[in-house]
PDB file of N, CA and C in Angstrom:
ATOM      1  N   UNK A   1      73.810  89.871  79.110  1.00  0.00           N
ATOM      2  CA  UNK A   1      74.721  88.907  79.664  1.00  0.00           C
ATOM      3  C   UNK A   1      73.931  87.630  79.967  1.00  0.00           C
ATOM      4  N   UNK A   2      74.443  86.519  79.506  1.00  0.00           N
ATOM      5  CA  UNK A   2      73.730  85.248  79.693  1.00  0.00           C
ATOM      6  C   UNK A   2      73.996  84.664  81.072  1.00  0.00           C
ATOM      7  N   UNK A   3      73.189  83.705  81.432  1.00  0.00           N
ATOM      8  CA  UNK A   3      73.368  82.997  82.701  1.00  0.00           C
ATOM      9  C   UNK A   3      74.749  82.336  82.722  1.00  0.00           C
ATOM     10  N   UNK A   4      75.138  81.749  81.606  1.00  0.00           N
ATOM     11  CA  UNK A   4      76.444  81.091  81.528  1.00  0.00           C
ATOM     12  C   UNK A   4      77.583  82.062  81.801  1.00  0.00           C
ATOM     13  N   UNK A   5      77.510  83.237  81.214  1.00  0.00           N
ATOM     14  CA  UNK A   5      78.544  84.246  81.424  1.00  0.00           C
ATOM     15  C   UNK A   5      78.583  84.682  82.881  1.00  0.00           C
ATOM     16  N   UNK A   6      77.426  84.897  83.467  1.00  0.00           N
ATOM     17  CA  UNK A   6      77.364  85.303  84.874  1.00  0.00           C
ATOM     18  C   UNK A   6      77.932  84.224  85.789  1.00  0.00           C
ATOM     19  N   UNK A   7      77.637  82.979  85.491  1.00  0.00           N
ATOM     20  CA  UNK A   7      78.151  81.885  86.324  1.00  0.00           C
ATOM     21  C   UNK A   7      79.665  81.775  86.219  1.00  0.00           C
ATOM     22  N   UNK A   8      80.203  81.964  85.022  1.00  0.00           N
ATOM     23  CA  UNK A   8      81.655  81.924  84.853  1.00  0.00           C
ATOM     24  C   UNK A   8      82.314  83.102  85.572  1.00  0.00           C
ATOM     25  N   UNK A   9      81.697  84.248  85.525  1.00  0.00           N
ATOM     26  CA  UNK A   9      82.238  85.400  86.243  1.00  0.00           C
ATOM     27  C   UNK A   9      82.219  85.148  87.754  1.00  0.00           C
ATOM     28  N   UNK A  10      81.163  84.516  88.219  1.00  0.00           N
ATOM     29  CA  UNK A  10      81.077  84.176  89.642  1.00  0.00           C
ATOM     30  C   UNK A  10      82.172  83.191  90.017  1.00  0.00           C
ATOM     31  N   UNK A  11      82.404  82.197  89.175  1.00  0.00           N
ATOM     32  CA  UNK A  11      83.488  81.244  89.426  1.00  0.00           C
ATOM     33  C   UNK A  11      84.840  81.948  89.491  1.00  0.00           C
ATOM     34  N   UNK A  12      85.062  82.882  88.581  1.00  0.00           N
ATOM     35  CA  UNK A  12      86.316  83.634  88.587  1.00  0.00           C
ATOM     36  C   UNK A  12      86.471  84.440  89.873  1.00  0.00           C
ATOM     37  N   UNK A  13      85.393  85.037  90.327  1.00  0.00           N
ATOM     38  CA  UNK A  13      85.435  85.824  91.571  1.00  0.00           C
ATOM     39  C   UNK A  13      85.722  84.936  92.774  1.00  0.00           C
ATOM     40  N   UNK A  14      85.084  83.778  92.827  1.00  0.00           N
ATOM     41  CA  UNK A  14      85.320  82.841  93.925  1.00  0.00           C
ATOM     42  C   UNK A  14      86.767  82.377  93.924  1.00  0.00           C
ATOM     43  N   UNK A  15      87.272  82.062  92.752  1.00  0.00           N
ATOM     44  CA  UNK A  15      88.663  81.620  92.640  1.00  0.00           C
ATOM     45  C   UNK A  15      89.632  82.701  93.102  1.00  0.00           C
ATOM     46  N   UNK A  16      89.350  83.928  92.728  1.00  0.00           N
ATOM     47  CA  UNK A  16      90.199  85.050  93.140  1.00  0.00           C
ATOM     48  C   UNK A  16      90.169  85.226  94.654  1.00  0.00           C
ATOM     49  N   UNK A  17      88.977  85.174  95.241  1.00  0.00           N
ATOM     50  CA  UNK A  17      88.846  85.327  96.698  1.00  0.00           C
ATOM     51  C   UNK A  17      89.565  84.192  97.418  1.00  0.00           C
ATOM     52  N   UNK A  18      89.446  82.989  96.893  1.00  0.00           N
ATOM     53  CA  UNK A  18      90.113  81.833  97.497  1.00  0.00           C
ATOM     54  C   UNK A  18      91.629  82.027  97.483  1.00  0.00           C
ATOM     55  N   UNK A  19      92.152  82.502  96.373  1.00  0.00           N
ATOM     56  CA  UNK A  19      93.589  82.754  96.252  1.00  0.00           C
ATOM     57  C   UNK A  19      94.043  83.826  97.244  1.00  0.00           C
ATOM     58  N   UNK A  20      93.254  84.873  97.384  1.00  0.00           N
ATOM     59  CA  UNK A  20      93.601  85.930  98.335  1.00  0.00           C
ATOM     60  C   UNK A  20      93.610  85.409  99.767  1.00  0.00           C
ATOM     61  N   UNK A  21      92.640  84.588 100.112  1.00  0.00           N
ATOM     62  CA  UNK A  21      92.601  84.028 101.465  1.00  0.00           C
ATOM     63  C   UNK A  21      93.802  83.128 101.733  1.00  0.00           C
ATOM     64  N   UNK A  22      94.198  82.348 100.735  1.00  0.00           N
ATOM     65  CA  UNK A  22      95.386  81.505 100.895  1.00  0.00           C
ATOM     66  C   UNK A  22      96.636  82.363 101.092  1.00  0.00           C
ATOM     67  N   UNK A  23      96.707  83.474 100.386  1.00  0.00           N
ATOM     68  CA  UNK A  23      97.833  84.395 100.541  1.00  0.00           C
ATOM     69  C   UNK A  23      97.835  84.996 101.935  1.00  0.00           C
ATOM     70  N   UNK A  24      96.670  85.403 102.412  1.00  0.00           N
ATOM     71  CA  UNK A  24      96.566  85.947 103.774  1.00  0.00           C
ATOM     72  C   UNK A  24      97.041  84.911 104.795  1.00  0.00           C
ATOM     73  N   UNK A  25      96.655  83.666 104.586  1.00  0.00           N
ATOM     74  CA  UNK A  25      97.054  82.605 105.511  1.00  0.00           C
ATOM     75  C   UNK A  25      98.574  82.437 105.533  1.00  0.00           C
ATOM     76  N   UNK A  26      99.181  82.515 104.377  1.00  0.00           N
ATOM     77  CA  UNK A  26     100.640  82.363 104.297  1.00  0.00           C
ATOM     78  C   UNK A  26     101.370  83.546 104.920  1.00  0.00           C
ATOM     79  N   UNK A  27     100.804  84.727 104.772  1.00  0.00           N
ATOM     80  CA  UNK A  27     101.473  85.938 105.237  1.00  0.00           C
ATOM     81  C   UNK A  27     101.207  86.259 106.700  1.00  0.00           C
ATOM     82  N   UNK A  28     100.169  85.689 107.274  1.00  0.00           N
ATOM     83  CA  UNK A  28      99.782  86.018 108.647  1.00  0.00           C
ATOM     84  C   UNK A  28     100.743  85.399 109.654  1.00  0.00           C
ATOM     85  N   UNK A  29     101.059  86.156 110.688  1.00  0.00           N
ATOM     86  CA  UNK A  29     101.888  85.659 111.776  1.00  0.00           C
ATOM     87  C   UNK A  29     101.024  85.066 112.898  1.00  0.00           C
ATOM     88  N   UNK A  30      99.783  85.505 112.972  1.00  0.00           N
ATOM     89  CA  UNK A  30      98.847  85.049 113.999  1.00  0.00           C
ATOM     90  C   UNK A  30      98.309  83.672 113.599  1.00  0.00           C
ATOM     91  N   UNK A  31      98.534  82.688 114.442  1.00  0.00           N
ATOM     92  CA  UNK A  31      98.116  81.315 114.117  1.00  0.00           C
ATOM     93  C   UNK A  31      96.598  81.177 114.017  1.00  0.00           C
ATOM     94  N   UNK A  32      95.866  81.912 114.832  1.00  0.00           N
ATOM     95  CA  UNK A  32      94.399  81.859 114.743  1.00  0.00           C
ATOM     96  C   UNK A  32      93.919  82.434 113.415  1.00  0.00           C
ATOM     97  N   UNK A  33      94.489  83.548 113.019  1.00  0.00           N
ATOM     98  CA  UNK A  33      94.115  84.161 111.735  1.00  0.00           C
ATOM     99  C   UNK A  33      94.511  83.242 110.587  1.00  0.00           C
ATOM    100  N   UNK A  34      95.694  82.658 110.680  1.00  0.00           N
ATOM    101  CA  UNK A  34      96.174  81.740 109.644  1.00  0.00           C
ATOM    102  C   UNK A  34      95.195  80.581 109.462  1.00  0.00           C
ATOM    103  N   UNK A  35      94.744  80.017 110.581  1.00  0.00           N
ATOM    104  CA  UNK A  35      93.801  78.901 110.532  1.00  0.00           C
ATOM    105  C   UNK A  35      92.451  79.342 109.968  1.00  0.00           C
ATOM    106  N   UNK A  36      92.001  80.507 110.386  1.00  0.00           N
ATOM    107  CA  UNK A  36      90.713  81.012 109.897  1.00  0.00           C
ATOM    108  C   UNK A  36      90.758  81.267 108.391  1.00  0.00           C
ATOM    109  N   UNK A  37      91.832  81.891 107.912  1.00  0.00           N
ATOM    110  CA  UNK A  37      91.963  82.135 106.470  1.00  0.00           C
ATOM    111  C   UNK A  37      92.007  80.821 105.697  1.00  0.00           C
ATOM    112  N   UNK A  38      92.702  79.843 106.230  1.00  0.00           N
ATOM    113  CA  UNK A  38      92.771  78.533 105.569  1.00  0.00           C
ATOM    114  C   UNK A  38      91.404  77.870 105.524  1.00  0.00           C
ATOM    115  N   UNK A  39      90.671  77.946 106.630  1.00  0.00           N
ATOM    116  CA  UNK A  39      89.328  77.361 106.661  1.00  0.00           C
ATOM    117  C   UNK A  39      88.393  78.038 105.656  1.00  0.00           C
ATOM    118  N   UNK A  40      88.473  79.349 105.598  1.00  0.00           N
ATOM    119  CA  UNK A  40      87.632  80.082 104.641  1.00  0.00           C
ATOM    120  C   UNK A  40      88.003  79.727 103.200  1.00  0.00           C
ATOM    121  N   UNK A  41      89.283  79.601 102.924  1.00  0.00           N
ATOM    122  CA  UNK A  41      89.731  79.213 101.578  1.00  0.00           C
ATOM    123  C   UNK A  41      89.210  77.817 101.232  1.00  0.00           C
ATOM    124  N   UNK A  42      89.218  76.913 102.204  1.00  0.00           N
ATOM    125  CA  UNK A  42      88.696  75.563 101.968  1.00  0.00           C
ATOM    126  C   UNK A  42      87.197  75.584 101.699  1.00  0.00           C
ATOM    127  N   UNK A  43      86.478  76.441 102.406  1.00  0.00           N
ATOM    128  CA  UNK A  43      85.043  76.567 102.166  1.00  0.00           C
ATOM    129  C   UNK A  43      84.777  77.077 100.752  1.00  0.00           C
ATOM    130  N   UNK A  44      85.561  78.064 100.325  1.00  0.00           N
ATOM    131  CA  UNK A  44      85.393  78.581  98.960  1.00  0.00           C
ATOM    132  C   UNK A  44      85.753  77.519  97.923  1.00  0.00           C
ATOM    133  N   UNK A  45      86.734  76.682  98.234  1.00  0.00           N
ATOM    134  CA  UNK A  45      87.101  75.584  97.333  1.00  0.00           C
ATOM    135  C   UNK A  45      85.902  74.652  97.134  1.00  0.00           C
ATOM    136  N   UNK A  46      85.223  74.337  98.210  1.00  0.00           N
ATOM    137  CA  UNK A  46      84.047  73.477  98.135  1.00  0.00           C
ATOM    138  C   UNK A  46      82.935  74.138  97.316  1.00  0.00           C
ATOM    139  N   UNK A  47      82.706  75.414  97.553  1.00  0.00           N
ATOM    140  CA  UNK A  47      81.697  76.158  96.796  1.00  0.00           C
ATOM    141  C   UNK A  47      82.073  76.197  95.317  1.00  0.00           C
ATOM    142  N   UNK A  48      83.343  76.433  95.052  1.00  0.00           N
ATOM    143  CA  UNK A  48      83.824  76.499  93.664  1.00  0.00           C
ATOM    144  C   UNK A  48      83.590  75.162  92.953  1.00  0.00           C
ATOM    145  N   UNK A  49      83.877  74.061  93.625  1.00  0.00           N
ATOM    146  CA  UNK A  49      83.669  72.748  93.021  1.00  0.00           C
ATOM    147  C   UNK A  49      82.193  72.484  92.740  1.00  0.00           C
ATOM    148  N   UNK A  50      81.341  72.860  93.689  1.00  0.00           N
ATOM    149  CA  UNK A  50      79.899  72.674  93.493  1.00  0.00           C
ATOM    150  C   UNK A  50      79.381  73.503  92.320  1.00  0.00           C
ATOM    151  N   UNK A  51      79.806  74.754  92.265  1.00  0.00           N
ATOM    152  CA  UNK A  51      79.363  75.627  91.192  1.00  0.00           C
ATOM    153  C   UNK A  51      79.922  75.179  89.839  1.00  0.00           C
ATOM    154  N   UNK A  52      81.136  74.681  89.830  1.00  0.00           N
ATOM    155  CA  UNK A  52      81.716  74.162  88.586  1.00  0.00           C
ATOM    156  C   UNK A  52      80.891  72.988  88.073  1.00  0.00           C
ATOM    157  N   UNK A  53      80.479  72.119  88.973  1.00  0.00           N
ATOM    158  CA  UNK A  53      79.614  71.005  88.576  1.00  0.00           C
ATOM    159  C   UNK A  53      78.306  71.498  87.986  1.00  0.00           C
ATOM    160  N   UNK A  54      77.759  72.522  88.583  1.00  0.00           N
ATOM    161  CA  UNK A  54      76.506  73.088  88.077  1.00  0.00           C
ATOM    162  C   UNK A  54      76.703  73.717  86.699  1.00  0.00           C
ATOM    163  N   UNK A  55      77.797  74.446  86.533  1.00  0.00           N
ATOM    164  CA  UNK A  55      78.103  75.063  85.233  1.00  0.00           C
ATOM    165  C   UNK A  55      78.263  73.984  84.169  1.00  0.00           C
ATOM    166  N   UNK A  56      78.969  72.920  84.492  1.00  0.00           N
ATOM    167  CA  UNK A  56      79.145  71.826  83.524  1.00  0.00           C
ATOM    168  C   UNK A  56      77.810  71.208  83.136  1.00  0.00           C
ATOM    169  N   UNK A  57      76.951  71.028  84.118  1.00  0.00           N
ATOM    170  CA  UNK A  57      75.624  70.476  83.844  1.00  0.00           C
ATOM    171  C   UNK A  57      74.825  71.402  82.927  1.00  0.00           C
ATOM    172  N   UNK A  58      74.820  72.676  83.254  1.00  0.00           N
ATOM    173  CA  UNK A  58      74.078  73.648  82.445  1.00  0.00           C
ATOM    174  C   UNK A  58      74.603  73.666  81.014  1.00  0.00           C
ATOM    175  N   UNK A  59      75.924  73.623  80.862  1.00  0.00           N
ATOM    176  CA  UNK A  59      76.494  73.673  79.516  1.00  0.00           C
ATOM    177  C   UNK A  59      76.180  72.412  78.718  1.00  0.00           C
ATOM    178  N   UNK A  60      75.995  71.292  79.395  1.00  0.00           N
ATOM    179  CA  UNK A  60      75.589  70.080  78.696  1.00  0.00           C
ATOM    180  C   UNK A  60      74.130  70.181  78.255  1.00  0.00           C
ATOM    181  N   UNK A  61      73.301  70.774  79.109  1.00  0.00           N
ATOM    182  CA  UNK A  61      71.879  70.900  78.811  1.00  0.00           C
ATOM    183  C   UNK A  61      71.590  72.030  77.820  1.00  0.00           C
ATOM    184  N   UNK A  62      72.365  73.098  77.934  1.00  0.00           N
ATOM    185  CA  UNK A  62      72.165  74.289  77.102  1.00  0.00           C
ATOM    186  C   UNK A  62      73.500  74.690  76.469  1.00  0.00           C
ATOM    187  N   UNK A  63      73.880  74.069  75.354  1.00  0.00           N
ATOM    188  CA  UNK A  63      75.196  74.307  74.748  1.00  0.00           C
ATOM    189  C   UNK A  63      75.496  75.767  74.413  1.00  0.00           C
ATOM    190  N   UNK A  64      74.484  76.597  74.247  1.00  0.00           N
ATOM    191  CA  UNK A  64      74.734  77.998  73.920  1.00  0.00           C
ATOM    192  C   UNK A  64      75.474  78.710  75.051  1.00  0.00           C
ATOM    193  N   UNK A  65      75.430  78.172  76.274  1.00  0.00           N
ATOM    194  CA  UNK A  65      76.128  78.800  77.392  1.00  0.00           C
ATOM    195  C   UNK A  65      77.637  78.588  77.320  1.00  0.00           C
ATOM    196  N   UNK A  66      78.094  77.718  76.430  1.00  0.00           N
ATOM    197  CA  UNK A  66      79.530  77.508  76.251  1.00  0.00           C
ATOM    198  C   UNK A  66      80.176  78.678  75.516  1.00  0.00           C
ATOM    199  N   UNK A  67      79.391  79.606  75.076  1.00  0.00           N
ATOM    200  CA  UNK A  67      79.889  80.778  74.348  1.00  0.00           C
ATOM    201  C   UNK A  67      80.940  81.507  75.183  1.00  0.00           C
ATOM    202  N   UNK A  68      80.743  81.588  76.494  1.00  0.00           N
ATOM    203  CA  UNK A  68      81.689  82.291  77.371  1.00  0.00           C
ATOM    204  C   UNK A  68      83.080  81.682  77.237  1.00  0.00           C
ATOM    205  N   UNK A  69      83.181  80.369  77.249  1.00  0.00           N
ATOM    206  CA  UNK A  69      84.482  79.708  77.113  1.00  0.00           C
ATOM    207  C   UNK A  69      85.092  79.996  75.753  1.00  0.00           C
ATOM    208  N   UNK A  70      84.283  80.005  74.733  1.00  0.00           N
ATOM    209  CA  UNK A  70      84.796  80.289  73.401  1.00  0.00           C
ATOM    210  C   UNK A  70      85.324  81.716  73.316  1.00  0.00           C
ATOM    211  N   UNK A  71      84.639  82.666  73.959  1.00  0.00           N
ATOM    212  CA  UNK A  71      85.101  84.057  73.958  1.00  0.00           C
ATOM    213  C   UNK A  71      86.432  84.177  74.674  1.00  0.00           C
ATOM    214  N   UNK A  72      86.594  83.475  75.778  1.00  0.00           N
ATOM    215  CA  UNK A  72      87.830  83.516  76.544  1.00  0.00           C
ATOM    216  C   UNK A  72      88.995  82.960  75.720  1.00  0.00           C
ATOM    217  N   UNK A  73      88.750  81.885  74.987  1.00  0.00           N
ATOM    218  CA  UNK A  73      89.804  81.300  74.161  1.00  0.00           C
ATOM    219  C   UNK A  73      90.185  82.209  73.019  1.00  0.00           C
ATOM    220  N   UNK A  74      89.236  82.920  72.448  1.00  0.00           N
ATOM    221  CA  UNK A  74      89.523  83.831  71.353  1.00  0.00           C
ATOM    222  C   UNK A  74      90.343  85.032  71.813  1.00  0.00           C
ATOM    223  N   UNK A  75      90.128  85.460  73.047  1.00  0.00           N
ATOM    224  CA  UNK A  75      90.866  86.606  73.582  1.00  0.00           C
ATOM    225  C   UNK A  75      92.327  86.277  73.868  1.00  0.00           C
ATOM    226  N   UNK A  76      92.626  85.004  74.047  1.00  0.00           N
ATOM    227  CA  UNK A  76      94.009  84.602  74.342  1.00  0.00           C
ATOM    228  C   UNK A  76      94.771  84.407  73.105  1.00  0.00           C
TER     229      UNK A  76
END
């Protein structure tokens, strides 16, 4: 497994966790929990953006890491 593939998998995991936290925030009746879930989702959003920037940089420097995106497109 290449670094590019691992980074894309990490991005997918972060995105999934962020979505789950947003769902928890919407479903929670406790205002403190709702706020905490929203804050955590926002933190993951920031991490996701930073990591996406890093992935884009790596793919520009090392085009072979774009293979992961090509595999994903072929599967669809």
